[in-house]
Amino acid sequence: MSTLRLRGAPPERIDLLNVTPLALKGLSESEAGKLAVGTSRRGVSLGDLFDITLDGSDTLVIEGGSDRLDRVGAALSEGTIRVEGDVGQRLGEGMAGGSLTVTGSAGPFAATGATGGTVTIEGDAGDHAGGAVYAAKAGLDGATLVIKGAAGAHLGDRMRRGIILAGSAGAQTASRMIAGTIVVSGAIGDHPGYGMRRGTLIAGGHGALLPTFVETGTPDLVYVRLLAQTLKRLGAAQAGLLGGTLRRYSGDLATLGKGEMFVPA
């Protein structure tokens, strides 16, 4: 297990895009310490901030967190990264595989553009978790995002593929959703599914609904039962939400209108 031990609060925002187990595997500790991670003219390197211990393994542990640690695990394709603390924006951006875990909370745009692997946030997540960054065509695109705490607004914005699980979420959850599945065990905020084209949103409760969502009854769908079995195998807390009767809404009828939202009947 390789470790990076944060000595103190970073003096600026830090970009950890290229700090992955695969990238560090062929480097000595002194070579890794020279990796540029700063975002200003100071020229901050990895060794300026962290005590580095490398053993060539597929597991990297970052001891100590900060909301200035951006793009942790971005472009991760294999192996495991665990952060003991908080992280900043774009956690796991574009990752294609592997496992990424944060014991604290994460900033905005967690798992944006992620096509594979699993991102787990044991605390809360900022706005646009699983959502698209500015000018991007899609947000989460095939990965699994698990938020054990609360997610901010626009959870899953322009999500195209994959699964998002959360404890609760803010306004406009599943906004502009293209496809995929979002399951929130608690309540979500106002206007869920704004601009939703396809996909499935399941929540324990909701705020104000858009007039472009229409109720379509309480169907007993095979898909929902299969999803419940999958969540049970994962040990997800959201599995219990799918055990009772669910009321279905279709929308957003202002767009393609093939999305669906389920809430307890």
C-alpha atoms as a PDB file:
ATOM      1  CA  MET A   1       0.000   0.000   0.000  1.00  0.00           C
ATOM      2  CA  SER A   2       1.423   3.346  -1.066  1.00  0.00           C
ATOM      3  CA  THR A   3       0.631   6.400   1.051  1.00  0.00           C
ATOM      4  CA  LEU A   4       0.603  10.157   0.690  1.00  0.00           C
ATOM      5  CA  ARG A   5       0.445  11.882   4.082  1.00  0.00           C
ATOM      6  CA  LEU A   6      -0.719  15.506   3.850  1.00  0.00           C
ATOM      7  CA  ARG A   7       1.457  17.696   6.081  1.00  0.00           C
ATOM      8  CA  GLY A   8      -0.912  20.660   6.342  1.00  0.00           C
ATOM      9  CA  ALA A   9      -3.451  22.800   4.542  1.00  0.00           C
ATOM     10  CA  PRO A  10      -2.450  23.325   0.875  1.00  0.00           C
ATOM     11  CA  PRO A  11      -1.527  26.935   0.035  1.00  0.00           C
ATOM     12  CA  GLU A  12      -3.574  26.809  -3.180  1.00  0.00           C
ATOM     13  CA  ARG A  13      -5.891  24.510  -5.111  1.00  0.00           C
ATOM     14  CA  ILE A  14      -4.107  21.250  -5.905  1.00  0.00           C
ATOM     15  CA  ASP A  15      -4.702  19.213  -9.078  1.00  0.00           C
ATOM     16  CA  LEU A  16      -4.140  15.476  -8.453  1.00  0.00           C
ATOM     17  CA  LEU A  17      -5.151  14.382 -11.957  1.00  0.00           C
ATOM     18  CA  ASN A  18      -1.965  12.388 -12.594  1.00  0.00           C
ATOM     19  CA  VAL A  19      -1.590  10.923  -9.099  1.00  0.00           C
ATOM     20  CA  THR A  20      -2.885   7.350  -9.392  1.00  0.00           C
ATOM     21  CA  PRO A  21      -1.464   3.946  -8.395  1.00  0.00           C
ATOM     22  CA  LEU A  22      -0.639   3.207 -12.039  1.00  0.00           C
ATOM     23  CA  ALA A  23       1.129   6.542 -12.559  1.00  0.00           C
ATOM     24  CA  LEU A  24       3.171   6.169  -9.355  1.00  0.00           C
ATOM     25  CA  LYS A  25       4.082   2.512  -9.887  1.00  0.00           C
ATOM     26  CA  GLY A  26       7.124   3.224 -12.054  1.00  0.00           C
ATOM     27  CA  LEU A  27       8.442   6.145  -9.997  1.00  0.00           C
ATOM     28  CA  SER A  28      10.771   6.384  -7.046  1.00  0.00           C
ATOM     29  CA  GLU A  29       9.670   8.443  -4.054  1.00  0.00           C
ATOM     30  CA  SER A  30      11.971  11.291  -5.045  1.00  0.00           C
ATOM     31  CA  GLU A  31      10.657  11.255  -8.621  1.00  0.00           C
ATOM     32  CA  ALA A  32       7.053  11.255  -7.392  1.00  0.00           C
ATOM     33  CA  GLY A  33       7.847  14.209  -5.145  1.00  0.00           C
ATOM     34  CA  LYS A  34       8.705  16.288  -8.219  1.00  0.00           C
ATOM     35  CA  LEU A  35       5.288  15.872  -9.856  1.00  0.00           C
ATOM     36  CA  ALA A  36       3.702  19.266 -10.417  1.00  0.00           C
ATOM     37  CA  VAL A  37       0.333  19.532  -8.687  1.00  0.00           C
ATOM     38  CA  GLY A  38      -0.048  23.284  -8.169  1.00  0.00           C
ATOM     39  CA  THR A  39      -2.455  25.490 -10.084  1.00  0.00           C
ATOM     40  CA  SER A  40      -0.686  28.833  -9.706  1.00  0.00           C
ATOM     41  CA  ARG A  41       2.751  30.294 -10.450  1.00  0.00           C
ATOM     42  CA  ARG A  42       4.189  28.993  -7.197  1.00  0.00           C
ATOM     43  CA  GLY A  43       5.188  25.727  -8.838  1.00  0.00           C
ATOM     44  CA  VAL A  44       3.964  23.474  -6.027  1.00  0.00           C
ATOM     45  CA  SER A  45       5.037  19.835  -6.337  1.00  0.00           C
ATOM     46  CA  LEU A  46       3.705  16.682  -4.678  1.00  0.00           C
ATOM     47  CA  GLY A  47       6.691  16.476  -2.328  1.00  0.00           C
ATOM     48  CA  ASP A  48       6.053  20.007  -1.062  1.00  0.00           C
ATOM     49  CA  LEU A  49       2.741  18.896   0.435  1.00  0.00           C
ATOM     50  CA  PHE A  50       2.941  15.182   1.162  1.00  0.00           C
ATOM     51  CA  ASP A  51       5.192  12.666   2.882  1.00  0.00           C
ATOM     52  CA  ILE A  52       5.448   9.970   0.208  1.00  0.00           C
ATOM     53  CA  THR A  53       5.778   6.211   0.710  1.00  0.00           C
ATOM     54  CA  LEU A  54       5.602   4.019  -2.386  1.00  0.00           C
ATOM     55  CA  ASP A  55       5.660   0.226  -2.623  1.00  0.00           C
ATOM     56  CA  GLY A  56       4.510  -0.272  -6.236  1.00  0.00           C
ATOM     57  CA  SER A  57       1.109  -1.675  -5.219  1.00  0.00           C
ATOM     58  CA  ASP A  58      -2.291  -1.016  -6.785  1.00  0.00           C
ATOM     59  CA  THR A  59      -3.570   0.697  -3.635  1.00  0.00           C
ATOM     60  CA  LEU A  60      -2.969   4.350  -2.782  1.00  0.00           C
ATOM     61  CA  VAL A  61      -4.075   5.906   0.511  1.00  0.00           C
ATOM     62  CA  ILE A  62      -4.134   9.686   0.944  1.00  0.00           C
ATOM     63  CA  GLU A  63      -3.963  10.402   4.668  1.00  0.00           C
ATOM     64  CA  GLY A  64      -5.484  13.775   5.436  1.00  0.00           C
ATOM     65  CA  GLY A  65      -7.939  15.672   3.285  1.00  0.00           C
ATOM     66  CA  SER A  66      -8.750  19.198   2.182  1.00  0.00           C
ATOM     67  CA  ASP A  67     -11.408  20.873   0.062  1.00  0.00           C
ATOM     68  CA  ARG A  68      -8.483  22.152  -2.026  1.00  0.00           C
ATOM     69  CA  LEU A  69      -7.588  18.682  -3.317  1.00  0.00           C
ATOM     70  CA  ASP A  70      -9.172  18.689  -6.789  1.00  0.00           C
ATOM     71  CA  ARG A  71      -9.577  15.898  -9.377  1.00  0.00           C
ATOM     72  CA  VAL A  72      -8.562  13.159  -6.955  1.00  0.00           C
ATOM     73  CA  GLY A  73      -8.718   9.870  -8.837  1.00  0.00           C
ATOM     74  CA  ALA A  74      -9.486  11.596 -12.130  1.00  0.00           C
ATOM     75  CA  ALA A  75      -8.752   9.280 -15.067  1.00  0.00           C
ATOM     76  CA  LEU A  76      -8.293   6.313 -12.680  1.00  0.00           C
ATOM     77  CA  SER A  77      -8.424   3.128 -14.768  1.00  0.00           C
ATOM     78  CA  GLU A  78      -7.401   0.421 -12.291  1.00  0.00           C
ATOM     79  CA  GLY A  79      -6.466  -0.054  -8.666  1.00  0.00           C
ATOM     80  CA  THR A  80      -7.789   1.593  -5.529  1.00  0.00           C
ATOM     81  CA  ILE A  81      -7.552   5.097  -4.062  1.00  0.00           C
ATOM     82  CA  ARG A  82      -8.777   5.889  -0.549  1.00  0.00           C
ATOM     83  CA  VAL A  83      -8.828   9.407   0.874  1.00  0.00           C
ATOM     84  CA  GLU A  84      -9.059   9.785   4.633  1.00  0.00           C
ATOM     85  CA  GLY A  85     -10.714  13.182   4.787  1.00  0.00           C
ATOM     86  CA  ASP A  86     -12.409  15.663   2.467  1.00  0.00           C
ATOM     87  CA  VAL A  87     -11.684  16.436  -1.180  1.00  0.00           C
ATOM     88  CA  GLY A  88     -12.459  19.298  -3.548  1.00  0.00           C
ATOM     89  CA  GLN A  89     -14.139  19.440  -6.922  1.00  0.00           C
ATOM     90  CA  ARG A  90     -14.281  16.870  -9.760  1.00  0.00           C
ATOM     91  CA  LEU A  91     -13.554  13.787  -7.685  1.00  0.00           C
ATOM     92  CA  GLY A  92     -13.048  10.858 -10.066  1.00  0.00           C
ATOM     93  CA  GLU A  93     -13.593  12.970 -13.167  1.00  0.00           C
ATOM     94  CA  GLY A  94     -13.451  10.763 -16.250  1.00  0.00           C
ATOM     95  CA  MET A  95     -12.372   7.649 -14.350  1.00  0.00           C
ATOM     96  CA  ALA A  96     -12.720   4.416 -16.313  1.00  0.00           C
ATOM     97  CA  GLY A  97     -12.244   1.713 -13.669  1.00  0.00           C
ATOM     98  CA  GLY A  98     -11.056   0.845 -10.201  1.00  0.00           C
ATOM     99  CA  SER A  99     -12.357   1.914  -6.819  1.00  0.00           C
ATOM    100  CA  LEU A 100     -12.264   5.413  -5.310  1.00  0.00           C
ATOM    101  CA  THR A 101     -13.384   6.051  -1.717  1.00  0.00           C
ATOM    102  CA  VAL A 102     -13.549   9.286   0.286  1.00  0.00           C
ATOM    103  CA  THR A 103     -14.230   9.040   4.017  1.00  0.00           C
ATOM    104  CA  GLY A 104     -15.234  12.708   4.251  1.00  0.00           C
ATOM    105  CA  SER A 105     -17.186  14.976   1.919  1.00  0.00           C
ATOM    106  CA  ALA A 106     -16.591  16.013  -1.690  1.00  0.00           C
ATOM    107  CA  GLY A 107     -16.987  19.263  -3.606  1.00  0.00           C
ATOM    108  CA  PRO A 108     -19.030  19.839  -6.783  1.00  0.00           C
ATOM    109  CA  PHE A 109     -19.020  17.680  -9.918  1.00  0.00           C
ATOM    110  CA  ALA A 110     -18.021  14.399  -8.246  1.00  0.00           C
ATOM    111  CA  ALA A 111     -17.708  11.551 -10.785  1.00  0.00           C
ATOM    112  CA  THR A 112     -18.432  13.820 -13.740  1.00  0.00           C
ATOM    113  CA  GLY A 113     -17.757  11.995 -17.002  1.00  0.00           C
ATOM    114  CA  ALA A 114     -16.853   8.752 -15.184  1.00  0.00           C
ATOM    115  CA  THR A 115     -17.344   5.764 -17.490  1.00  0.00           C
ATOM    116  CA  GLY A 116     -16.485   2.881 -15.137  1.00  0.00           C
ATOM    117  CA  GLY A 117     -15.490   1.852 -11.634  1.00  0.00           C
ATOM    118  CA  THR A 118     -17.060   2.826  -8.321  1.00  0.00           C
ATOM    119  CA  VAL A 119     -16.873   6.162  -6.488  1.00  0.00           C
ATOM    120  CA  THR A 120     -17.951   6.109  -2.834  1.00  0.00           C
ATOM    121  CA  ILE A 121     -18.381   9.268  -0.753  1.00  0.00           C
ATOM    122  CA  GLU A 122     -19.044   8.452   2.888  1.00  0.00           C
ATOM    123  CA  GLY A 123     -19.979  12.047   3.720  1.00  0.00           C
ATOM    124  CA  ASP A 124     -21.846  14.642   1.657  1.00  0.00           C
ATOM    125  CA  ALA A 125     -21.376  15.703  -1.964  1.00  0.00           C
ATOM    126  CA  GLY A 126     -21.609  19.190  -3.449  1.00  0.00           C
ATOM    127  CA  ASP A 127     -23.809  20.361  -6.302  1.00  0.00           C
ATOM    128  CA  HIS A 128     -23.787  18.577  -9.655  1.00  0.00           C
ATOM    129  CA  ALA A 129     -22.543  15.242  -8.302  1.00  0.00           C
ATOM    130  CA  GLY A 130     -22.612  12.896 -11.276  1.00  0.00           C
ATOM    131  CA  GLY A 131     -23.435  15.948 -13.380  1.00  0.00           C
ATOM    132  CA  ALA A 132     -21.904  17.528 -16.447  1.00  0.00           C
ATOM    133  CA  VAL A 133     -19.228  20.199 -16.176  1.00  0.00           C
ATOM    134  CA  TYR A 134     -19.580  23.340 -18.242  1.00  0.00           C
ATOM    135  CA  ALA A 135     -19.911  22.629 -21.991  1.00  0.00           C
ATOM    136  CA  ALA A 136     -19.701  18.832 -21.476  1.00  0.00           C
ATOM    137  CA  LYS A 137     -22.181  16.610 -23.290  1.00  0.00           C
ATOM    138  CA  ALA A 138     -22.797  14.278 -20.351  1.00  0.00           C
ATOM    139  CA  GLY A 139     -22.248  13.769 -16.644  1.00  0.00           C
ATOM    140  CA  LEU A 140     -21.883  10.281 -15.163  1.00  0.00           C
ATOM    141  CA  ASP A 141     -21.473   7.933 -18.111  1.00  0.00           C
ATOM    142  CA  GLY A 142     -21.385   4.340 -16.879  1.00  0.00           C
ATOM    143  CA  ALA A 143     -19.758   4.356 -13.432  1.00  0.00           C
ATOM    144  CA  THR A 144     -21.375   3.775 -10.041  1.00  0.00           C
ATOM    145  CA  LEU A 145     -21.554   6.720  -7.629  1.00  0.00           C
ATOM    146  CA  VAL A 146     -22.492   6.080  -3.992  1.00  0.00           C
ATOM    147  CA  ILE A 147     -23.119   9.077  -1.702  1.00  0.00           C
ATOM    148  CA  LYS A 148     -23.898   7.935   1.831  1.00  0.00           C
ATOM    149  CA  GLY A 149     -24.759  11.447   3.015  1.00  0.00           C
ATOM    150  CA  ALA A 150     -26.598  14.279   1.290  1.00  0.00           C
ATOM    151  CA  ALA A 151     -26.050  15.404  -2.290  1.00  0.00           C
ATOM    152  CA  GLY A 152     -26.487  19.008  -3.404  1.00  0.00           C
ATOM    153  CA  ALA A 153     -28.600  20.388  -6.224  1.00  0.00           C
ATOM    154  CA  HIS A 154     -28.591  19.003  -9.775  1.00  0.00           C
ATOM    155  CA  LEU A 155     -27.621  15.459  -8.787  1.00  0.00           C
ATOM    156  CA  GLY A 156     -27.095  13.486 -12.015  1.00  0.00           C
ATOM    157  CA  ASP A 157     -27.454  16.491 -14.326  1.00  0.00           C
ATOM    158  CA  ARG A 158     -27.147  15.201 -17.925  1.00  0.00           C
ATOM    159  CA  MET A 159     -26.289  11.732 -16.625  1.00  0.00           C
ATOM    160  CA  ARG A 160     -26.092   9.271 -19.534  1.00  0.00           C
ATOM    161  CA  ARG A 161     -25.369   5.820 -18.045  1.00  0.00           C
ATOM    162  CA  GLY A 162     -24.657   4.141 -14.708  1.00  0.00           C
ATOM    163  CA  ILE A 163     -26.117   4.211 -11.198  1.00  0.00           C
ATOM    164  CA  ILE A 164     -26.197   6.927  -8.533  1.00  0.00           C
ATOM    165  CA  LEU A 165     -27.198   6.149  -4.945  1.00  0.00           C
ATOM    166  CA  ALA A 166     -27.633   8.904  -2.356  1.00  0.00           C
ATOM    167  CA  GLY A 167     -29.082   9.494   1.104  1.00  0.00           C
ATOM    168  CA  SER A 168     -30.869  12.708   0.093  1.00  0.00           C
ATOM    169  CA  ALA A 169     -30.509  15.344  -2.620  1.00  0.00           C
ATOM    170  CA  GLY A 170     -31.288  18.971  -3.400  1.00  0.00           C
ATOM    171  CA  ALA A 171     -33.353  20.686  -6.055  1.00  0.00           C
ATOM    172  CA  GLN A 172     -33.570  19.577  -9.687  1.00  0.00           C
ATOM    173  CA  THR A 173     -32.286  16.064  -9.130  1.00  0.00           C
ATOM    174  CA  ALA A 174     -31.960  14.233 -12.482  1.00  0.00           C
ATOM    175  CA  SER A 175     -32.150  17.509 -14.402  1.00  0.00           C
ATOM    176  CA  ARG A 176     -31.600  17.037 -18.165  1.00  0.00           C
ATOM    177  CA  MET A 177     -31.031  13.327 -17.519  1.00  0.00           C
ATOM    178  CA  ILE A 178     -30.295  11.360 -20.689  1.00  0.00           C
ATOM    179  CA  ALA A 179     -30.441   7.829 -19.228  1.00  0.00           C
ATOM    180  CA  GLY A 180     -29.332   5.768 -16.224  1.00  0.00           C
ATOM    181  CA  THR A 181     -30.684   5.179 -12.719  1.00  0.00           C
ATOM    182  CA  ILE A 182     -30.740   7.382  -9.607  1.00  0.00           C
ATOM    183  CA  VAL A 183     -32.017   6.046  -6.269  1.00  0.00           C
ATOM    184  CA  VAL A 184     -32.290   8.387  -3.256  1.00  0.00           C
ATOM    185  CA  SER A 185     -33.427   6.834   0.017  1.00  0.00           C
ATOM    186  CA  GLY A 186     -34.541  10.146   1.534  1.00  0.00           C
ATOM    187  CA  ALA A 187     -36.188  13.249   0.102  1.00  0.00           C
ATOM    188  CA  ILE A 188     -35.150  15.274  -2.926  1.00  0.00           C
ATOM    189  CA  GLY A 189     -35.778  18.966  -3.511  1.00  0.00           C
ATOM    190  CA  ASP A 190     -38.101  20.894  -5.801  1.00  0.00           C
ATOM    191  CA  HIS A 191     -38.515  20.295  -9.539  1.00  0.00           C
ATOM    192  CA  PRO A 192     -36.866  16.887  -9.953  1.00  0.00           C
ATOM    193  CA  GLY A 193     -36.404  15.711 -13.522  1.00  0.00           C
ATOM    194  CA  TYR A 194     -36.286  19.168 -15.089  1.00  0.00           C
ATOM    195  CA  GLY A 195     -35.610  18.570 -18.801  1.00  0.00           C
ATOM    196  CA  MET A 196     -35.369  14.790 -18.236  1.00  0.00           C
ATOM    197  CA  ARG A 197     -35.342  12.796 -21.485  1.00  0.00           C
ATOM    198  CA  ARG A 198     -34.972   9.192 -20.340  1.00  0.00           C
ATOM    199  CA  GLY A 199     -33.823   7.308 -17.273  1.00  0.00           C
ATOM    200  CA  THR A 200     -35.211   6.327 -13.891  1.00  0.00           C
ATOM    201  CA  LEU A 201     -35.360   8.351 -10.664  1.00  0.00           C
ATOM    202  CA  ILE A 202     -36.533   6.721  -7.420  1.00  0.00           C
ATOM    203  CA  ALA A 203     -36.819   8.786  -4.233  1.00  0.00           C
ATOM    204  CA  GLY A 204     -38.278   8.518  -0.747  1.00  0.00           C
ATOM    205  CA  GLY A 205     -39.988  11.895  -1.108  1.00  0.00           C
ATOM    206  CA  HIS A 206     -39.905  15.074  -3.158  1.00  0.00           C
ATOM    207  CA  GLY A 207     -40.594  18.783  -3.209  1.00  0.00           C
ATOM    208  CA  ALA A 208     -42.703  20.621  -5.762  1.00  0.00           C
ATOM    209  CA  LEU A 209     -43.214  18.713  -9.014  1.00  0.00           C
ATOM    210  CA  LEU A 210     -43.113  20.241 -12.471  1.00  0.00           C
ATOM    211  CA  PRO A 211     -46.471  20.393 -14.298  1.00  0.00           C
ATOM    212  CA  THR A 212     -44.829  18.470 -17.130  1.00  0.00           C
ATOM    213  CA  PHE A 213     -44.748  15.260 -15.055  1.00  0.00           C
ATOM    214  CA  VAL A 214     -47.918  13.154 -15.062  1.00  0.00           C
ATOM    215  CA  GLU A 215     -48.928  10.336 -12.734  1.00  0.00           C
ATOM    216  CA  THR A 216     -49.224   6.929 -14.419  1.00  0.00           C
ATOM    217  CA  GLY A 217     -50.344   4.662 -11.576  1.00  0.00           C
ATOM    218  CA  THR A 218     -48.572   2.090  -9.426  1.00  0.00           C
ATOM    219  CA  PRO A 219     -47.284  -0.549 -11.859  1.00  0.00           C
ATOM    220  CA  ASP A 220     -45.414  -3.625 -10.622  1.00  0.00           C
ATOM    221  CA  LEU A 221     -42.435  -3.518 -12.973  1.00  0.00           C
ATOM    222  CA  VAL A 222     -39.896  -6.325 -13.353  1.00  0.00           C
ATOM    223  CA  TYR A 223     -37.139  -3.741 -13.738  1.00  0.00           C
ATOM    224  CA  VAL A 224     -37.771  -2.339 -10.258  1.00  0.00           C
ATOM    225  CA  ARG A 225     -37.684  -5.818  -8.677  1.00  0.00           C
ATOM    226  CA  LEU A 226     -34.418  -6.648 -10.451  1.00  0.00           C
ATOM    227  CA  LEU A 227     -32.944  -3.327  -9.331  1.00  0.00           C
ATOM    228  CA  ALA A 228     -33.965  -4.106  -5.738  1.00  0.00           C
ATOM    229  CA  GLN A 229     -32.134  -7.443  -5.909  1.00  0.00           C
ATOM    230  CA  THR A 230     -29.033  -5.733  -7.270  1.00  0.00           C
ATOM    231  CA  LEU A 231     -29.049  -3.142  -4.490  1.00  0.00           C
ATOM    232  CA  LYS A 232     -29.498  -5.863  -1.851  1.00  0.00           C
ATOM    233  CA  ARG A 233     -26.424  -7.675  -3.175  1.00  0.00           C
ATOM    234  CA  LEU A 234     -24.513  -4.407  -2.928  1.00  0.00           C
ATOM    235  CA  GLY A 235     -25.726  -3.920   0.631  1.00  0.00           C
ATOM    236  CA  ALA A 236     -27.150  -0.520  -0.329  1.00  0.00           C
ATOM    237  CA  ALA A 237     -29.473   1.201   2.134  1.00  0.00           C
ATOM    238  CA  GLN A 238     -31.695   2.254  -0.783  1.00  0.00           C
ATOM    239  CA  ALA A 239     -32.814  -1.369  -1.363  1.00  0.00           C
ATOM    240  CA  GLY A 240     -35.537  -1.051   1.287  1.00  0.00           C
ATOM    241  CA  LEU A 241     -37.178   1.788  -0.638  1.00  0.00           C
ATOM    242  CA  LEU A 242     -38.013  -0.559  -3.518  1.00  0.00           C
ATOM    243  CA  GLY A 243     -39.821  -3.136  -1.380  1.00  0.00           C
ATOM    244  CA  GLY A 244     -43.179  -1.351  -1.176  1.00  0.00           C
ATOM    245  CA  THR A 245     -45.674  -0.019  -3.698  1.00  0.00           C
ATOM    246  CA  LEU A 246     -44.293   2.826  -5.791  1.00  0.00           C
ATOM    247  CA  ARG A 247     -46.204   5.548  -7.601  1.00  0.00           C
ATOM    248  CA  ARG A 248     -44.885   6.326 -11.093  1.00  0.00           C
ATOM    249  CA  TYR A 249     -44.668   9.687 -12.864  1.00  0.00           C
ATOM    250  CA  SER A 250     -43.656  10.162 -16.508  1.00  0.00           C
ATOM    251  CA  GLY A 251     -41.764  13.175 -17.839  1.00  0.00           C
ATOM    252  CA  ASP A 252     -40.390  15.611 -18.606  1.00  0.00           C
ATOM    253  CA  LEU A 253     -43.126  16.000 -21.231  1.00  0.00           C
ATOM    254  CA  ALA A 254     -41.611  19.342 -22.233  1.00  0.00           C
ATOM    255  CA  THR A 255     -38.770  17.307 -23.803  1.00  0.00           C
ATOM    256  CA  LEU A 256     -38.660  13.707 -25.033  1.00  0.00           C
ATOM    257  CA  GLY A 257     -40.736  12.654 -22.027  1.00  0.00           C
ATOM    258  CA  LYS A 258     -39.497   9.057 -21.687  1.00  0.00           C
ATOM    259  CA  GLY A 259     -38.125   9.515 -18.170  1.00  0.00           C
ATOM    260  CA  GLU A 260     -39.803   8.118 -15.076  1.00  0.00           C
ATOM    261  CA  MET A 261     -39.882   8.944 -11.381  1.00  0.00           C
ATOM    262  CA  PHE A 262     -41.025   6.596  -8.615  1.00  0.00           C
ATOM    263  CA  VAL A 263     -41.982   7.565  -5.045  1.00  0.00           C
ATOM    264  CA  PRO A 264     -43.699   5.550  -2.285  1.00  0.00           C
ATOM    265  CA  ALA A 265     -47.439   5.362  -2.925  1.00  0.00           C
END
